[in-house]
Amino acid sequence: GGAFCNGQRISVSKTDQ
């Protein structure tokens, strides 16, 4: 969802919280 997970910005992924 583009949240900050594990200190890095990600896109819609399995790790997206």
N, C-alpha and C. Protein backbone atom coordinates (compact mmCIF):
# COMPACT_ATOMS: atom_id res chain seq x y z
N GLY A 1 0.80 -1.20 0.00
CA GLY A 1 0.00 0.00 0.00
C GLY A 1 0.84 1.26 0.00
N GLY A 2 2.13 1.10 -0.02
CA GLY A 2 3.05 2.22 -0.02
C GLY A 2 3.38 2.71 1.37
N ALA A 3 3.24 1.85 2.35
CA ALA A 3 3.56 2.22 3.74
C ALA A 3 5.04 2.00 4.01
N PHE A 4 5.48 2.50 5.16
CA PHE A 4 6.89 2.33 5.52
C PHE A 4 7.04 1.06 6.36
N CYS A 5 7.48 -0.01 5.71
CA CYS A 5 7.70 -1.28 6.39
C CYS A 5 9.19 -1.58 6.37
N ASN A 6 9.73 -1.95 7.51
CA ASN A 6 11.15 -2.24 7.64
C ASN A 6 12.02 -1.03 7.30
N GLY A 7 11.45 0.15 7.47
CA GLY A 7 12.23 1.36 7.27
C GLY A 7 12.41 1.74 5.81
N GLN A 8 11.71 1.09 4.90
CA GLN A 8 11.83 1.46 3.50
C GLN A 8 10.44 1.55 2.87
N ARG A 9 10.30 2.45 1.93
CA ARG A 9 9.01 2.65 1.28
C ARG A 9 8.81 1.59 0.20
N ILE A 10 7.68 0.91 0.27
CA ILE A 10 7.40 -0.15 -0.68
C ILE A 10 6.07 0.09 -1.37
N SER A 11 5.81 -0.71 -2.36
CA SER A 11 4.57 -0.65 -3.11
C SER A 11 3.63 -1.74 -2.60
N VAL A 12 2.56 -2.00 -3.33
CA VAL A 12 1.62 -3.04 -2.92
C VAL A 12 2.33 -4.39 -3.06
N SER A 13 2.68 -4.97 -1.93
CA SER A 13 3.40 -6.24 -1.93
C SER A 13 2.89 -7.13 -0.81
N LYS A 14 3.44 -8.32 -0.72
CA LYS A 14 3.08 -9.26 0.32
C LYS A 14 3.50 -8.74 1.70
N THR A 15 4.45 -7.82 1.73
CA THR A 15 4.93 -7.29 3.00
C THR A 15 4.31 -5.93 3.31
N ASP A 16 3.42 -5.46 2.42
CA ASP A 16 2.84 -4.14 2.59
C ASP A 16 1.87 -4.12 3.77
N GLN A 17 2.17 -3.30 4.75
CA GLN A 17 1.30 -3.13 5.90
C GLN A 17 0.82 -1.69 5.94
